[in-house]
C-alpha atoms as a PDB file:
ATOM      1  CA  MET A   1     158.712-127.655 -73.010  1.00  0.00           C
ATOM      2  CA  SER A   2     159.198-129.622 -76.151  1.00  0.00           C
ATOM      3  CA  LYS A   3     161.592-128.604 -79.028  1.00  0.00           C
ATOM      4  CA  ASN A   4     158.496-128.432 -81.540  1.00  0.00           C
ATOM      5  CA  HIS A   5     156.794-126.097 -79.076  1.00  0.00           C
ATOM      6  CA  GLN A   6     159.979-123.809 -78.494  1.00  0.00           C
ATOM      7  CA  GLY A   7     160.357-123.585 -82.186  1.00  0.00           C
ATOM      8  CA  SER A   8     156.666-122.598 -82.950  1.00  0.00           C
ATOM      9  CA  THR A   9     156.961-120.003 -79.896  1.00  0.00           C
ATOM     10  CA  LEU A  10     160.284-118.604 -81.500  1.00  0.00           C
ATOM     11  CA  ARG A  11     158.533-118.469 -84.959  1.00  0.00           C
ATOM     12  CA  VAL A  12     155.654-116.672 -83.400  1.00  0.00           C
ATOM     13  CA  TRP A  13     157.899-113.927 -81.774  1.00  0.00           C
ATOM     14  CA  LEU A  14     159.849-113.737 -85.126  1.00  0.00           C
ATOM     15  CA  ILE A  15     156.828-113.068 -86.834  1.00  0.00           C
ATOM     16  CA  GLY A  16     155.821-110.292 -84.416  1.00  0.00           C
ATOM     17  CA  VAL A  17     159.049-108.796 -84.573  1.00  0.00           C
ATOM     18  CA  ALA A  18     159.015-108.697 -88.388  1.00  0.00           C
ATOM     19  CA  ILE A  19     155.291-106.931 -88.296  1.00  0.00           C
ATOM     20  CA  ILE A  20     156.457-104.474 -85.713  1.00  0.00           C
ATOM     21  CA  GLY A  21     159.655-103.572 -87.746  1.00  0.00           C
ATOM     22  CA  ALA A  22     157.469-103.450 -91.058  1.00  0.00           C
ATOM     23  CA  ALA A  23     154.735-101.296 -89.413  1.00  0.00           C
ATOM     24  CA  ALA A  24     157.119 -99.024 -87.856  1.00  0.00           C
ATOM     25  CA  LEU A  25     159.190 -98.527 -91.002  1.00  0.00           C
ATOM     26  CA  THR A  26     155.884 -97.562 -92.765  1.00  0.00           C
ATOM     27  CA  ARG A  27     155.505 -94.644 -90.648  1.00  0.00           C
ATOM     28  CA  ILE A  28     159.137 -93.449 -90.896  1.00  0.00           C
ATOM     29  CA  LEU A  29     159.272 -93.514 -94.718  1.00  0.00           C
ATOM     30  CA  PRO A  30     157.411 -90.671 -96.314  1.00  0.00           C
ATOM     31  CA  HIS A  31     153.704 -90.832 -96.570  1.00  0.00           C
ATOM     32  CA  PRO A  32     150.674 -88.894 -96.706  1.00  0.00           C
ATOM     33  CA  HIS A  33     149.386 -87.550 -93.227  1.00  0.00           C
ATOM     34  CA  ASN A  34     147.709 -90.418 -91.193  1.00  0.00           C
ATOM     35  CA  PHE A  35     148.180 -92.999 -93.929  1.00  0.00           C
ATOM     36  CA  THR A  36     149.928 -95.647 -91.987  1.00  0.00           C
ATOM     37  CA  PRO A  37     148.920 -99.196 -90.797  1.00  0.00           C
ATOM     38  CA  MET A  38     148.762 -98.787 -87.196  1.00  0.00           C
ATOM     39  CA  ALA A  39     145.084 -99.010 -86.555  1.00  0.00           C
ATOM     40  CA  ALA A  40     144.840-102.220 -89.024  1.00  0.00           C
ATOM     41  CA  LEU A  41     147.738-103.730 -87.242  1.00  0.00           C
ATOM     42  CA  ALA A  42     146.218-103.256 -83.829  1.00  0.00           C
ATOM     43  CA  LEU A  43     142.989-104.850 -85.130  1.00  0.00           C
ATOM     44  CA  PHE A  44     144.883-107.700 -86.875  1.00  0.00           C
ATOM     45  CA  GLY A  45     146.896-108.172 -83.733  1.00  0.00           C
ATOM     46  CA  GLY A  46     143.760-108.481 -81.643  1.00  0.00           C
ATOM     47  CA  ALA A  47     142.016-110.844 -83.982  1.00  0.00           C
ATOM     48  CA  HIS A  48     145.034-113.223 -84.350  1.00  0.00           C
ATOM     49  CA  PHE A  49     147.071-113.474 -81.356  1.00  0.00           C
ATOM     50  CA  ARG A  50     145.247-115.429 -78.751  1.00  0.00           C
ATOM     51  CA  ASP A  51     147.877-114.150 -76.145  1.00  0.00           C
ATOM     52  CA  LYS A  52     146.483-110.924 -75.249  1.00  0.00           C
ATOM     53  CA  PHE A  53     149.771-109.579 -74.272  1.00  0.00           C
ATOM     54  CA  ARG A  54     150.979-110.132 -77.636  1.00  0.00           C
ATOM     55  CA  ALA A  55     147.741-108.617 -79.188  1.00  0.00           C
ATOM     56  CA  PHE A  56     148.579-105.422 -77.396  1.00  0.00           C
ATOM     57  CA  LEU A  57     152.357-105.524 -77.650  1.00  0.00           C
ATOM     58  CA  VAL A  58     152.653-105.936 -81.327  1.00  0.00           C
ATOM     59  CA  PRO A  59     150.752-102.693 -82.346  1.00  0.00           C
ATOM     60  CA  LEU A  60     152.003-100.666 -79.347  1.00  0.00           C
ATOM     61  CA  ALA A  61     155.617-101.611 -80.005  1.00  0.00           C
ATOM     62  CA  ALA A  62     155.500-100.808 -83.316  1.00  0.00           C
ATOM     63  CA  MET A  63     154.161 -97.297 -82.426  1.00  0.00           C
ATOM     64  CA  LEU A  64     156.592 -96.965 -79.966  1.00  0.00           C
ATOM     65  CA  LEU A  65     159.659 -97.944 -82.246  1.00  0.00           C
ATOM     66  CA  SER A  66     158.490 -95.596 -84.842  1.00  0.00           C
ATOM     67  CA  ASP A  67     157.735 -92.774 -82.317  1.00  0.00           C
ATOM     68  CA  VAL A  68     161.432 -93.132 -80.881  1.00  0.00           C
ATOM     69  CA  VAL A  69     162.767 -92.894 -84.419  1.00  0.00           C
ATOM     70  CA  LEU A  70     160.497 -90.163 -85.524  1.00  0.00           C
ATOM     71  CA  TYR A  71     160.668 -87.746 -82.609  1.00  0.00           C
ATOM     72  CA  LEU A  72     164.117 -88.331 -81.444  1.00  0.00           C
ATOM     73  CA  ALA A  73     166.010 -88.397 -84.744  1.00  0.00           C
ATOM     74  CA  ARG A  74     163.630 -86.186 -86.996  1.00  0.00           C
ATOM     75  CA  TYR A  75     161.472 -84.140 -85.021  1.00  0.00           C
ATOM     76  CA  PRO A  76     163.211 -83.480 -81.542  1.00  0.00           C
ATOM     77  CA  SER A  77     161.389 -80.342 -80.976  1.00  0.00           C
ATOM     78  CA  TYR A  78     158.076 -82.141 -81.001  1.00  0.00           C
ATOM     79  CA  VAL A  79     159.029 -84.713 -78.319  1.00  0.00           C
ATOM     80  CA  GLY A  80     156.963 -82.743 -75.673  1.00  0.00           C
ATOM     81  CA  GLU A  81     154.093 -82.620 -77.652  1.00  0.00           C
ATOM     82  CA  ALA A  82     154.256 -86.251 -78.668  1.00  0.00           C
ATOM     83  CA  VAL A  83     154.558 -87.395 -75.062  1.00  0.00           C
ATOM     84  CA  SER A  84     151.586 -85.414 -74.189  1.00  0.00           C
ATOM     85  CA  THR A  85     149.438 -87.180 -76.650  1.00  0.00           C
ATOM     86  CA  ALA A  86     150.956 -90.737 -76.445  1.00  0.00           C
ATOM     87  CA  LEU A  87     148.363 -91.819 -73.957  1.00  0.00           C
ATOM     88  CA  VAL A  88     145.390 -90.800 -76.003  1.00  0.00           C
ATOM     89  CA  VAL A  89     146.926 -92.390 -79.197  1.00  0.00           C
ATOM     90  CA  TYR A  90     148.313 -95.591 -77.463  1.00  0.00           C
ATOM     91  CA  GLY A  91     145.075 -95.849 -75.680  1.00  0.00           C
ATOM     92  CA  SER A  92     142.999 -95.613 -79.081  1.00  0.00           C
ATOM     93  CA  LEU A  93     145.323 -98.298 -80.501  1.00  0.00           C
ATOM     94  CA  ALA A  94     144.817-100.586 -77.307  1.00  0.00           C
ATOM     95  CA  LEU A  95     140.879 -99.992 -77.689  1.00  0.00           C
ATOM     96  CA  ILE A  96     141.347-101.184 -81.423  1.00  0.00           C
ATOM     97  CA  ALA A  97     143.120-104.058 -80.362  1.00  0.00           C
ATOM     98  CA  GLY A  98     140.359-105.074 -78.036  1.00  0.00           C
ATOM     99  CA  ILE A  99     138.034-104.729 -80.823  1.00  0.00           C
ATOM    100  CA  GLY A 100     140.373-107.268 -82.603  1.00  0.00           C
ATOM    101  CA  LEU A 101     139.993-109.739 -79.606  1.00  0.00           C
ATOM    102  CA  TRP A 102     136.226-109.300 -80.261  1.00  0.00           C
ATOM    103  CA  LEU A 103     136.785-110.608 -83.699  1.00  0.00           C
ATOM    104  CA  GLN A 104     138.978-113.595 -82.800  1.00  0.00           C
ATOM    105  CA  ASN A 105     136.148-116.055 -83.340  1.00  0.00           C
ATOM    106  CA  ARG A 106     134.004-113.857 -85.678  1.00  0.00           C
ATOM    107  CA  ARG A 107     136.391-113.341 -88.631  1.00  0.00           C
ATOM    108  CA  THR A 108     134.086-112.883 -91.515  1.00  0.00           C
ATOM    109  CA  VAL A 109     134.544-110.157 -94.236  1.00  0.00           C
ATOM    110  CA  VAL A 110     131.632-108.295 -93.047  1.00  0.00           C
ATOM    111  CA  ASN A 111     132.710-108.295 -89.438  1.00  0.00           C
ATOM    112  CA  VAL A 112     136.343-107.550 -90.112  1.00  0.00           C
ATOM    113  CA  ALA A 113     135.102-104.547 -92.430  1.00  0.00           C
ATOM    114  CA  GLY A 114     132.639-103.275 -89.809  1.00  0.00           C
ATOM    115  CA  ALA A 115     135.342-103.553 -87.121  1.00  0.00           C
ATOM    116  CA  CYS A 116     137.792-101.582 -89.300  1.00  0.00           C
ATOM    117  CA  LEU A 117     135.373 -98.813 -89.942  1.00  0.00           C
ATOM    118  CA  VAL A 118     134.334 -98.559 -86.212  1.00  0.00           C
ATOM    119  CA  SER A 119     138.074 -98.552 -85.205  1.00  0.00           C
ATOM    120  CA  SER A 120     138.731 -95.632 -87.820  1.00  0.00           C
ATOM    121  CA  LEU A 121     135.830 -93.573 -86.459  1.00  0.00           C
ATOM    122  CA  LEU A 122     136.785 -94.288 -82.883  1.00  0.00           C
ATOM    123  CA  PHE A 123     140.318 -93.482 -83.443  1.00  0.00           C
ATOM    124  CA  PHE A 124     139.112 -90.115 -85.220  1.00  0.00           C
ATOM    125  CA  LEU A 125     136.571 -89.208 -82.482  1.00  0.00           C
ATOM    126  CA  ILE A 126     138.982 -89.898 -79.398  1.00  0.00           C
ATOM    127  CA  THR A 127     142.211 -88.259 -80.772  1.00  0.00           C
ATOM    128  CA  ASN A 128     140.575 -85.218 -82.037  1.00  0.00           C
ATOM    129  CA  PHE A 129     138.576 -84.678 -78.977  1.00  0.00           C
ATOM    130  CA  ALA A 130     141.811 -84.845 -77.200  1.00  0.00           C
ATOM    131  CA  VAL A 131     143.299 -82.279 -79.732  1.00  0.00           C
ATOM    132  CA  TRP A 132     140.374 -80.002 -78.985  1.00  0.00           C
ATOM    133  CA  VAL A 133     140.855 -80.344 -75.171  1.00  0.00           C
ATOM    134  CA  LYS A 134     144.638 -79.848 -75.024  1.00  0.00           C
ATOM    135  CA  SER A 135     145.751 -77.967 -78.087  1.00  0.00           C
ATOM    136  CA  GLY A 136     144.199 -74.496 -77.180  1.00  0.00           C
ATOM    137  CA  MET A 137     143.508 -74.087 -81.004  1.00  0.00           C
ATOM    138  CA  TYR A 138     139.967 -74.264 -80.467  1.00  0.00           C
ATOM    139  CA  PRO A 139     137.486 -72.932 -78.028  1.00  0.00           C
ATOM    140  CA  LEU A 140     136.045 -75.216 -75.432  1.00  0.00           C
ATOM    141  CA  THR A 141     132.768 -74.955 -76.746  1.00  0.00           C
ATOM    142  CA  ALA A 142     130.362 -77.185 -78.834  1.00  0.00           C
ATOM    143  CA  GLY A 143     131.369 -75.026 -81.815  1.00  0.00           C
ATOM    144  CA  GLY A 144     134.863 -75.253 -80.966  1.00  0.00           C
ATOM    145  CA  LEU A 145     134.577 -79.166 -80.861  1.00  0.00           C
ATOM    146  CA  ILE A 146     132.989 -79.154 -84.230  1.00  0.00           C
ATOM    147  CA  SER A 147     135.356 -76.957 -85.984  1.00  0.00           C
ATOM    148  CA  CYS A 148     138.129 -79.287 -84.570  1.00  0.00           C
ATOM    149  CA  TYR A 149     136.508 -82.359 -86.031  1.00  0.00           C
ATOM    150  CA  VAL A 150     135.948 -80.544 -89.449  1.00  0.00           C
ATOM    151  CA  ALA A 151     139.316 -79.547 -89.538  1.00  0.00           C
ATOM    152  CA  ALA A 152     140.430 -83.137 -89.086  1.00  0.00           C
ATOM    153  CA  ILE A 153     138.480 -84.545 -91.952  1.00  0.00           C
ATOM    154  CA  PRO A 154     141.151 -84.391 -94.584  1.00  0.00           C
ATOM    155  CA  PHE A 155     143.393 -86.468 -92.060  1.00  0.00           C
ATOM    156  CA  PHE A 156     140.294 -88.783 -91.321  1.00  0.00           C
ATOM    157  CA  GLN A 157     139.935 -89.604 -95.178  1.00  0.00           C
ATOM    158  CA  ASN A 158     143.729 -90.591 -95.378  1.00  0.00           C
ATOM    159  CA  GLN A 159     143.245 -92.483 -92.212  1.00  0.00           C
ATOM    160  CA  LEU A 160     140.238 -94.355 -93.261  1.00  0.00           C
ATOM    161  CA  ALA A 161     141.800 -95.179 -96.625  1.00  0.00           C
ATOM    162  CA  ALA A 162     144.939 -96.629 -94.999  1.00  0.00           C
ATOM    163  CA  ASP A 163     142.842 -98.636 -92.238  1.00  0.00           C
ATOM    164  CA  VAL A 164     140.696-100.185 -95.151  1.00  0.00           C
ATOM    165  CA  LEU A 165     143.663-100.947 -97.349  1.00  0.00           C
ATOM    166  CA  PHE A 166     146.029-102.430 -94.733  1.00  0.00           C
ATOM    167  CA  THR A 167     143.210-104.095 -93.046  1.00  0.00           C
ATOM    168  CA  ALA A 168     142.519-105.870 -96.168  1.00  0.00           C
ATOM    169  CA  VAL A 169     146.144-106.435 -96.926  1.00  0.00           C
ATOM    170  CA  LEU A 170     146.671-108.106 -93.415  1.00  0.00           C
ATOM    171  CA  PHE A 171     143.696-110.075 -92.907  1.00  0.00           C
ATOM    172  CA  GLY A 172     143.455-111.023 -96.598  1.00  0.00           C
ATOM    173  CA  GLY A 173     147.195-111.679 -96.875  1.00  0.00           C
ATOM    174  CA  PHE A 174     146.817-113.886 -93.615  1.00  0.00           C
ATOM    175  CA  ALA A 175     143.797-115.654 -95.076  1.00  0.00           C
ATOM    176  CA  LEU A 176     145.638-116.473 -98.261  1.00  0.00           C
ATOM    177  CA  ILE A 177     148.657-117.832 -96.366  1.00  0.00           C
ATOM    178  CA  GLU A 178     146.318-119.907 -94.204  1.00  0.00           C
ATOM    179  CA  GLY A 179     144.886-121.485 -97.273  1.00  0.00           C
ATOM    180  CA  ARG A 180     148.506-122.459 -98.556  1.00  0.00           C
ATOM    181  CA  VAL A 181     149.865-123.551 -95.218  1.00  0.00           C
ATOM    182  CA  PRO A 182     147.514-126.240 -93.682  1.00  0.00           C
ATOM    183  CA  GLN A 183     149.348-125.998 -90.270  1.00  0.00           C
ATOM    184  CA  LEU A 184     147.998-122.490 -89.926  1.00  0.00           C
ATOM    185  CA  ARG A 185     144.388-123.154 -90.937  1.00  0.00           C
ATOM    186  CA  GLU A 186     142.921-124.734 -87.661  1.00  0.00           C
ATOM    187  CA  ARG A 187     145.782-124.075 -85.162  1.00  0.00           C
ATOM    188  CA  HIS A 188     146.283-120.331 -86.140  1.00  0.00           C
ATOM    189  CA  GLU A 189     149.902-120.288 -85.517  1.00  0.00           C
ATOM    190  CA  LEU A 190     149.930-116.696 -84.562  1.00  0.00           C
ATOM    191  CA  ALA A 191     147.206-117.371 -82.183  1.00  0.00           C
ATOM    192  CA  SER A 192     148.488-120.408 -80.245  1.00  0.00           C
ATOM    193  CA  GLY A 193     152.103-119.235 -79.685  1.00  0.00           C
END
């Protein structure tokens, strides 16, 4: 492996670690419910990391890191609940990263915006379906499912606002950087490492 390629690979991993840390920090700092960059990060990771391992690793590692801090340090009494819902949440984020993979060669403003909205809706539908099934708070009937989704609408509003904002920041910010750093323009440094 050439020294140049090693430096490039190290730079990509360092960027990934920085993104993971920043995203995890946004979940740990005070914020409105569901107003986090996690879905946007999953979409961005899928769209920009050609290495599928990194595409899924970055958002899931950010989620895991912040979960460890949140549930072990701040909310230890909720660890059991967090573990029981983790598969659904992490699976939803992996699905969103998969949508990002679809975006890799289709990154237009319209496609990114559409993928953002689809991702938000899928996360909302999947995670709240799991709440309906597992929580015992709602009867396992069509009416119970509807009640669960209606009760979750305020959280969805925050989630959608965060997804739109953070998707615009991540994709728009990277596009601006690509415009200023010619080496990233064609090779997509994140995508090639």
